[in-house]
């Protein structure tokens, strides 16, 4: 300890410790939740076609979300890439190797999961326009 009785810890660093601990705990919990969601989705058979994926998502989406999606202009669908698109990529096995679905959605043998999820979003949106 320095002669003036203060510690070597920078001023203000000590109050940050609880915040850092909370952030670490949140990261651990969210990682565990994501892993559990992925594990749960692996127990359900993955859809093999874009039509099957659209049917599943349509059943799972609450009515207000279906209305909100239907009302979106097509050129704004890209805004769904991170939230809804991430859900699609994780829950439908696109990151875990569901090549049948990726190919059916994009007609490309080496389709990227991002491309496939956007094709599914667009197909779902089109189905809601009827």
N, C-alpha and C. Protein backbone atom coordinates (compact mmCIF):
# COMPACT_ATOMS: atom_id res chain seq x y z
N UNK A 1 0.85 -1.17 0.00
CA UNK A 1 0.00 0.00 0.00
C UNK A 1 0.90 1.24 0.00
N UNK A 2 0.58 2.26 -0.80
CA UNK A 2 1.37 3.49 -0.79
C UNK A 2 1.32 4.16 0.57
N UNK A 3 2.29 5.06 0.84
CA UNK A 3 2.37 5.71 2.16
C UNK A 3 1.12 6.49 2.55
N UNK A 4 0.34 7.00 1.61
CA UNK A 4 -0.83 7.81 1.97
C UNK A 4 -2.05 6.97 2.32
N UNK A 5 -1.93 5.64 2.33
CA UNK A 5 -3.02 4.77 2.74
C UNK A 5 -3.98 4.39 1.63
N UNK A 6 -3.71 4.83 0.41
CA UNK A 6 -4.59 4.45 -0.70
C UNK A 6 -4.06 3.18 -1.34
N UNK A 7 -4.89 2.51 -2.05
CA UNK A 7 -4.47 1.28 -2.72
C UNK A 7 -3.97 1.61 -4.11
N UNK A 8 -3.42 0.61 -4.78
CA UNK A 8 -2.94 0.79 -6.14
C UNK A 8 -4.07 0.76 -7.15
N UNK A 9 -5.26 0.42 -6.72
CA UNK A 9 -6.41 0.36 -7.61
C UNK A 9 -6.78 1.78 -8.01
N UNK A 10 -6.96 1.99 -9.29
CA UNK A 10 -7.31 3.32 -9.78
C UNK A 10 -8.61 3.79 -9.15
N UNK A 11 -8.69 5.10 -8.95
CA UNK A 11 -9.91 5.68 -8.38
C UNK A 11 -11.09 5.33 -9.28
N UNK A 12 -12.15 4.86 -8.70
CA UNK A 12 -13.36 4.53 -9.45
C UNK A 12 -13.38 3.10 -9.98
N UNK A 13 -12.27 2.38 -9.88
CA UNK A 13 -12.24 1.02 -10.40
C UNK A 13 -13.01 0.05 -9.51
N UNK A 14 -12.97 0.26 -8.21
CA UNK A 14 -13.63 -0.66 -7.27
C UNK A 14 -15.14 -0.70 -7.50
N UNK A 15 -15.82 0.43 -7.72
CA UNK A 15 -17.27 0.35 -7.99
C UNK A 15 -17.59 -0.39 -9.29
N UNK A 16 -16.62 -0.54 -10.19
CA UNK A 16 -16.86 -1.23 -11.45
C UNK A 16 -16.92 -2.75 -11.27
N UNK A 17 -16.33 -3.26 -10.20
CA UNK A 17 -16.27 -4.71 -10.01
C UNK A 17 -17.66 -5.36 -10.02
N UNK A 18 -18.65 -4.83 -9.27
CA UNK A 18 -19.98 -5.46 -9.32
C UNK A 18 -20.59 -5.44 -10.73
N UNK A 19 -20.36 -4.35 -11.46
CA UNK A 19 -20.87 -4.26 -12.82
C UNK A 19 -20.21 -5.31 -13.71
N UNK A 20 -18.91 -5.46 -13.57
CA UNK A 20 -18.20 -6.46 -14.36
C UNK A 20 -18.67 -7.87 -14.02
N UNK A 21 -18.90 -8.13 -12.74
CA UNK A 21 -19.39 -9.44 -12.34
C UNK A 21 -20.78 -9.71 -12.91
N UNK A 22 -21.64 -8.69 -12.89
CA UNK A 22 -22.98 -8.85 -13.47
C UNK A 22 -22.91 -9.11 -14.97
N UNK A 23 -22.01 -8.39 -15.66
CA UNK A 23 -21.85 -8.59 -17.10
C UNK A 23 -21.36 -10.01 -17.39
N UNK A 24 -20.40 -10.49 -16.60
CA UNK A 24 -19.89 -11.85 -16.79
C UNK A 24 -20.99 -12.87 -16.56
N UNK A 25 -21.79 -12.67 -15.52
CA UNK A 25 -22.89 -13.58 -15.23
C UNK A 25 -23.92 -13.57 -16.35
N UNK A 26 -24.23 -12.38 -16.86
CA UNK A 26 -25.18 -12.26 -17.97
C UNK A 26 -24.66 -13.00 -19.20
N UNK A 27 -23.38 -12.87 -19.48
CA UNK A 27 -22.79 -13.57 -20.62
C UNK A 27 -22.89 -15.08 -20.45
N UNK A 28 -22.62 -15.57 -19.26
CA UNK A 28 -22.69 -17.01 -18.99
C UNK A 28 -24.12 -17.51 -19.15
N UNK A 29 -25.07 -16.78 -18.57
CA UNK A 29 -26.48 -17.18 -18.64
C UNK A 29 -26.99 -17.14 -20.08
N UNK A 30 -26.65 -16.07 -20.82
CA UNK A 30 -27.15 -15.96 -22.19
C UNK A 30 -26.52 -17.02 -23.09
N UNK A 31 -25.26 -17.35 -22.86
CA UNK A 31 -24.61 -18.41 -23.64
C UNK A 31 -25.27 -19.75 -23.35
N UNK A 32 -25.56 -20.00 -22.08
CA UNK A 32 -26.23 -21.25 -21.71
C UNK A 32 -27.63 -21.31 -22.31
N UNK A 33 -28.34 -20.18 -22.32
CA UNK A 33 -29.69 -20.14 -22.91
C UNK A 33 -29.64 -20.41 -24.40
N UNK A 34 -28.67 -19.80 -25.08
CA UNK A 34 -28.53 -20.02 -26.52
C UNK A 34 -28.20 -21.48 -26.81
N UNK A 35 -27.31 -22.05 -26.03
CA UNK A 35 -26.95 -23.45 -26.22
C UNK A 35 -28.16 -24.36 -25.99
N UNK A 36 -28.96 -24.03 -24.98
CA UNK A 36 -30.16 -24.83 -24.71
C UNK A 36 -31.16 -24.71 -25.86
N UNK A 37 -31.31 -23.52 -26.41
CA UNK A 37 -32.24 -23.33 -27.52
C UNK A 37 -31.79 -24.11 -28.75
N UNK A 38 -30.48 -24.08 -29.02
CA UNK A 38 -29.95 -24.83 -30.15
C UNK A 38 -30.14 -26.32 -29.93
N UNK A 39 -29.83 -26.78 -28.71
CA UNK A 39 -29.99 -28.21 -28.40
C UNK A 39 -31.45 -28.62 -28.56
N UNK A 40 -32.37 -27.77 -28.10
CA UNK A 40 -33.80 -28.08 -28.22
C UNK A 40 -34.21 -28.16 -29.69
N UNK A 41 -33.69 -27.23 -30.50
CA UNK A 41 -34.07 -27.23 -31.91
C UNK A 41 -33.52 -28.46 -32.62
N UNK A 42 -32.42 -29.01 -32.12
CA UNK A 42 -31.85 -30.19 -32.76
C UNK A 42 -32.67 -31.44 -32.47
N UNK A 43 -33.51 -31.40 -31.45
CA UNK A 43 -34.36 -32.54 -31.15
C UNK A 43 -35.59 -32.57 -32.06
N UNK A 44 -35.93 -31.41 -32.62
CA UNK A 44 -37.04 -31.36 -33.56
C UNK A 44 -36.48 -31.59 -34.95
N UNK A 45 -37.19 -32.28 -35.79
CA UNK A 45 -36.67 -32.46 -37.14
C UNK A 45 -36.62 -31.11 -37.87
N UNK A 46 -35.52 -30.87 -38.53
CA UNK A 46 -35.38 -29.63 -39.29
C UNK A 46 -36.21 -29.70 -40.56
N UNK A 47 -36.76 -28.59 -40.97
CA UNK A 47 -37.47 -28.58 -42.26
C UNK A 47 -36.46 -28.80 -43.39
N UNK A 48 -36.89 -29.48 -44.41
CA UNK A 48 -36.02 -29.77 -45.56
C UNK A 48 -36.27 -28.82 -46.72
N UNK A 49 -37.41 -28.12 -46.67
CA UNK A 49 -37.75 -27.21 -47.77
C UNK A 49 -38.12 -25.84 -47.23
N UNK A 50 -38.04 -24.87 -48.12
CA UNK A 50 -38.42 -23.51 -47.76
C UNK A 50 -39.91 -23.47 -47.37
N UNK A 51 -40.73 -24.22 -48.06
CA UNK A 51 -42.16 -24.26 -47.75
C UNK A 51 -42.40 -24.81 -46.35
N UNK A 52 -41.66 -25.86 -45.96
CA UNK A 52 -41.80 -26.40 -44.60
C UNK A 52 -41.35 -25.37 -43.56
N UNK A 53 -40.27 -24.66 -43.85
CA UNK A 53 -39.77 -23.64 -42.92
C UNK A 53 -40.79 -22.52 -42.75
N UNK A 54 -41.36 -22.08 -43.86
CA UNK A 54 -42.38 -21.02 -43.82
C UNK A 54 -43.59 -21.49 -43.03
N UNK A 55 -44.03 -22.72 -43.24
CA UNK A 55 -45.19 -23.24 -42.51
C UNK A 55 -44.91 -23.28 -41.01
N UNK A 56 -43.72 -23.74 -40.63
CA UNK A 56 -43.37 -23.81 -39.21
C UNK A 56 -43.33 -22.42 -38.59
N UNK A 57 -42.64 -21.50 -39.25
CA UNK A 57 -42.53 -20.14 -38.71
C UNK A 57 -43.89 -19.47 -38.63
N UNK A 58 -44.72 -19.69 -39.62
CA UNK A 58 -46.06 -19.10 -39.63
C UNK A 58 -46.88 -19.60 -38.44
N UNK A 59 -46.73 -20.89 -38.12
CA UNK A 59 -47.44 -21.44 -36.95
C UNK A 59 -46.89 -20.87 -35.65
N UNK A 60 -45.58 -20.67 -35.59
CA UNK A 60 -44.93 -20.24 -34.35
C UNK A 60 -45.08 -18.74 -34.08
N UNK A 61 -45.19 -17.93 -35.14
CA UNK A 61 -45.27 -16.48 -34.94
C UNK A 61 -46.63 -16.08 -34.38
N UNK A 62 -46.62 -15.24 -33.35
CA UNK A 62 -47.90 -14.73 -32.84
C UNK A 62 -48.60 -13.89 -33.92
N UNK A 63 -49.92 -13.82 -33.88
CA UNK A 63 -50.67 -13.08 -34.91
C UNK A 63 -50.21 -11.64 -35.09
N UNK A 64 -49.89 -10.94 -34.00
CA UNK A 64 -49.46 -9.54 -34.15
C UNK A 64 -48.13 -9.45 -34.90
N UNK A 65 -47.24 -10.42 -34.71
CA UNK A 65 -45.97 -10.43 -35.43
C UNK A 65 -46.18 -10.75 -36.90
N UNK A 66 -47.12 -11.66 -37.19
CA UNK A 66 -47.43 -11.95 -38.60
C UNK A 66 -47.99 -10.70 -39.29
N UNK A 67 -48.86 -9.96 -38.60
CA UNK A 67 -49.41 -8.73 -39.18
C UNK A 67 -48.31 -7.70 -39.40
N UNK A 68 -47.42 -7.57 -38.43
CA UNK A 68 -46.32 -6.60 -38.54
C UNK A 68 -45.41 -6.96 -39.73
N UNK A 69 -45.10 -8.24 -39.87
CA UNK A 69 -44.26 -8.67 -41.00
C UNK A 69 -44.98 -8.43 -42.32
N UNK A 70 -46.25 -8.76 -42.39
CA UNK A 70 -47.02 -8.58 -43.63
C UNK A 70 -47.07 -7.11 -44.04
N UNK A 71 -47.08 -6.20 -43.08
CA UNK A 71 -47.19 -4.78 -43.36
C UNK A 71 -45.86 -4.13 -43.76
N UNK A 72 -44.75 -4.85 -43.57
CA UNK A 72 -43.44 -4.29 -43.92
C UNK A 72 -43.28 -4.19 -45.43
N UNK A 73 -42.68 -3.10 -45.90
CA UNK A 73 -42.33 -3.06 -47.33
C UNK A 73 -41.22 -4.09 -47.60
N UNK A 74 -41.25 -4.69 -48.77
CA UNK A 74 -40.27 -5.74 -49.08
C UNK A 74 -38.84 -5.25 -48.96
N UNK A 75 -38.59 -3.99 -49.33
CA UNK A 75 -37.22 -3.49 -49.26
C UNK A 75 -36.71 -3.27 -47.82
N UNK A 76 -37.57 -3.45 -46.83
CA UNK A 76 -37.17 -3.31 -45.42
C UNK A 76 -36.95 -4.67 -44.74
N UNK A 77 -37.17 -5.76 -45.46
CA UNK A 77 -37.00 -7.09 -44.86
C UNK A 77 -35.58 -7.32 -44.36
N UNK A 78 -34.60 -6.68 -44.97
CA UNK A 78 -33.21 -6.83 -44.55
C UNK A 78 -33.03 -6.41 -43.09
N UNK A 79 -33.90 -5.57 -42.59
CA UNK A 79 -33.82 -5.13 -41.19
C UNK A 79 -34.07 -6.29 -40.22
N UNK A 80 -34.63 -7.38 -40.71
CA UNK A 80 -34.91 -8.55 -39.88
C UNK A 80 -33.74 -9.54 -39.84
N UNK A 81 -32.67 -9.22 -40.56
CA UNK A 81 -31.54 -10.15 -40.68
C UNK A 81 -30.95 -10.55 -39.33
N UNK A 82 -30.74 -9.59 -38.43
CA UNK A 82 -30.06 -9.92 -37.18
C UNK A 82 -30.97 -10.57 -36.14
N UNK A 83 -32.12 -10.05 -35.87
CA UNK A 83 -32.99 -10.64 -34.84
C UNK A 83 -33.70 -11.89 -35.32
N UNK A 84 -34.67 -11.69 -36.19
CA UNK A 84 -35.48 -12.81 -36.69
C UNK A 84 -34.61 -13.76 -37.53
N UNK A 85 -33.72 -13.20 -38.33
CA UNK A 85 -32.85 -14.02 -39.15
C UNK A 85 -31.95 -14.92 -38.32
N UNK A 86 -31.44 -14.39 -37.22
CA UNK A 86 -30.61 -15.20 -36.32
C UNK A 86 -31.43 -16.35 -35.74
N UNK A 87 -32.65 -16.06 -35.34
CA UNK A 87 -33.54 -17.11 -34.83
C UNK A 87 -33.73 -18.20 -35.89
N UNK A 88 -33.98 -17.80 -37.12
CA UNK A 88 -34.19 -18.76 -38.20
C UNK A 88 -32.94 -19.61 -38.41
N UNK A 89 -31.78 -18.95 -38.49
CA UNK A 89 -30.54 -19.71 -38.72
C UNK A 89 -30.26 -20.71 -37.60
N UNK A 90 -30.55 -20.32 -36.36
CA UNK A 90 -30.29 -21.21 -35.23
C UNK A 90 -31.36 -22.30 -35.10
N UNK A 91 -32.61 -21.93 -35.17
CA UNK A 91 -33.67 -22.90 -34.88
C UNK A 91 -33.96 -23.86 -36.03
N UNK A 92 -33.60 -23.49 -37.25
CA UNK A 92 -33.87 -24.36 -38.39
C UNK A 92 -32.62 -25.10 -38.86
N UNK A 93 -31.55 -25.00 -38.07
CA UNK A 93 -30.35 -25.79 -38.34
C UNK A 93 -29.46 -25.29 -39.45
N UNK A 94 -29.62 -24.05 -39.86
CA UNK A 94 -28.80 -23.56 -40.97
C UNK A 94 -27.32 -23.46 -40.59
N UNK A 95 -27.03 -23.16 -39.33
CA UNK A 95 -25.63 -23.13 -38.88
C UNK A 95 -25.14 -24.54 -38.53
N UNK A 96 -26.05 -25.47 -38.33
CA UNK A 96 -25.66 -26.82 -37.93
C UNK A 96 -25.63 -27.79 -39.10
N UNK A 97 -25.72 -27.29 -40.33
CA UNK A 97 -25.56 -28.15 -41.48
C UNK A 97 -26.83 -28.60 -42.18
N UNK A 98 -27.92 -27.87 -42.04
CA UNK A 98 -29.16 -28.23 -42.74
C UNK A 98 -29.02 -27.80 -44.21
N UNK A 99 -28.23 -28.57 -44.95
CA UNK A 99 -27.93 -28.23 -46.35
C UNK A 99 -29.15 -28.39 -47.25
N UNK A 100 -30.03 -29.32 -46.92
CA UNK A 100 -31.24 -29.51 -47.73
C UNK A 100 -32.07 -28.23 -47.75
N UNK A 101 -32.26 -27.64 -46.58
CA UNK A 101 -33.04 -26.41 -46.48
C UNK A 101 -32.33 -25.26 -47.19
N UNK A 102 -31.05 -25.11 -46.94
CA UNK A 102 -30.29 -24.02 -47.57
C UNK A 102 -30.36 -24.12 -49.09
N UNK A 103 -30.21 -25.34 -49.61
CA UNK A 103 -30.26 -25.52 -51.07
C UNK A 103 -31.66 -25.23 -51.61
N UNK A 104 -32.68 -25.73 -50.94
CA UNK A 104 -34.04 -25.52 -51.42
C UNK A 104 -34.40 -24.03 -51.45
N UNK A 105 -33.89 -23.28 -50.49
CA UNK A 105 -34.20 -21.85 -50.42
C UNK A 105 -33.44 -21.01 -51.43
N UNK A 106 -32.22 -21.42 -51.76
CA UNK A 106 -31.36 -20.58 -52.60
C UNK A 106 -31.01 -21.19 -53.95
N UNK A 107 -31.21 -22.50 -54.08
CA UNK A 107 -30.82 -23.25 -55.30
C UNK A 107 -29.30 -23.19 -55.52
N UNK A 108 -28.54 -23.00 -54.44
CA UNK A 108 -27.08 -23.01 -54.50
C UNK A 108 -26.56 -24.13 -53.61
N UNK A 109 -25.64 -24.92 -54.12
CA UNK A 109 -25.09 -26.04 -53.36
C UNK A 109 -24.36 -25.57 -52.10
N UNK A 110 -23.63 -24.49 -52.19
CA UNK A 110 -22.85 -24.00 -51.03
C UNK A 110 -23.46 -22.71 -50.50
N UNK A 111 -24.76 -22.71 -50.29
CA UNK A 111 -25.45 -21.51 -49.83
C UNK A 111 -25.03 -21.15 -48.42
N UNK A 112 -24.83 -19.88 -48.19
CA UNK A 112 -24.50 -19.38 -46.86
C UNK A 112 -25.79 -19.31 -46.03
N UNK A 113 -25.72 -19.63 -44.73
CA UNK A 113 -26.92 -19.56 -43.89
C UNK A 113 -27.60 -18.19 -43.91
N UNK A 114 -26.83 -17.12 -44.06
CA UNK A 114 -27.43 -15.77 -44.13
C UNK A 114 -28.33 -15.65 -45.36
N UNK A 115 -27.87 -16.16 -46.50
CA UNK A 115 -28.67 -16.11 -47.72
C UNK A 115 -29.95 -16.93 -47.57
N UNK A 116 -29.80 -18.12 -46.99
CA UNK A 116 -30.96 -18.99 -46.82
C UNK A 116 -31.99 -18.37 -45.88
N UNK A 117 -31.52 -17.77 -44.79
CA UNK A 117 -32.48 -17.18 -43.84
C UNK A 117 -33.21 -15.99 -44.47
N UNK A 118 -32.52 -15.21 -45.29
CA UNK A 118 -33.21 -14.10 -45.95
C UNK A 118 -34.21 -14.61 -46.98
N UNK A 119 -33.88 -15.71 -47.64
CA UNK A 119 -34.84 -16.30 -48.59
C UNK A 119 -36.08 -16.79 -47.85
N UNK A 120 -35.89 -17.34 -46.66
CA UNK A 120 -37.03 -17.81 -45.85
C UNK A 120 -37.87 -16.63 -45.39
N UNK A 121 -37.21 -15.57 -44.94
CA UNK A 121 -37.95 -14.36 -44.52
C UNK A 121 -38.77 -13.83 -45.68
N UNK A 122 -38.16 -13.75 -46.85
CA UNK A 122 -38.88 -13.23 -48.02
C UNK A 122 -40.05 -14.15 -48.39
N UNK A 123 -39.84 -15.46 -48.33
CA UNK A 123 -40.92 -16.41 -48.65
C UNK A 123 -42.06 -16.30 -47.64
N UNK A 124 -41.70 -16.15 -46.37
CA UNK A 124 -42.74 -15.98 -45.33
C UNK A 124 -43.51 -14.70 -45.58
N UNK A 125 -42.80 -13.63 -45.88
CA UNK A 125 -43.43 -12.34 -46.16
C UNK A 125 -44.39 -12.47 -47.36
N UNK A 126 -43.93 -13.16 -48.41
CA UNK A 126 -44.78 -13.35 -49.60
C UNK A 126 -46.03 -14.14 -49.25
N UNK A 127 -45.88 -15.16 -48.39
CA UNK A 127 -47.05 -15.97 -48.01
C UNK A 127 -48.06 -15.14 -47.23
N UNK A 128 -47.59 -14.12 -46.54
CA UNK A 128 -48.49 -13.28 -45.73
C UNK A 128 -49.14 -12.18 -46.58
N UNK A 129 -48.72 -12.02 -47.82
CA UNK A 129 -49.30 -11.00 -48.69
C UNK A 129 -50.61 -11.47 -49.31
N UNK A 130 -50.91 -12.75 -49.19
CA UNK A 130 -52.13 -13.32 -49.81
C UNK A 130 -53.35 -13.02 -48.99
